[in-house]
Amino acid sequence: LDNAWLVGVERARIGGKCLAHVLADRQTVGQRPVTLVGHSMGARLLVYCLCELYDMGELHVVDDVVLLGTPVTTEPSKWQKVRSVASGRVVNGFLGNDWVLAFLYRYLEWGVSVAGLSQVQVPGVENVNLD
């Protein structure tokens, strides 16, 4: 049986892939780059979207990205893809004392370094401490 966290993770993955394909369609969005803002699972959805855009080779679609309380790893390879797709700013807003995020991510995904709790050490990613 899946718990609510795992269902949310899977829906964010699917939603991110769908959003990437919509953004890549120039007839739907037009020629203007977009700004993406996400919080919590919405931010995770945007990370999936940006990684999908990277895999598709669509590096001109997104201007700025603001991710707040993002429940994804701080692994540089993932964030380098995010940084590559955005032509403008990439902002990681984190809150070091978010105990709910710390518990859920570390307990359910067995991860230690979480972008929503700490800085992302990738050049071009702006880290903002929201404490």
Foldseek 3Di string as FASTA:
>chain_A
DDDPVVVLLVVLLVLLLVVLVQLVPCVNVNQDAAEEEAEESRLVSVLSNLLNCLVVVQQRRHAHYEYALYFDALPQVSVVSNQRNYNYAAEQEAEQPPVVSCCCSCVVVVDHGGSNNDPRPDPRYHYHYPD
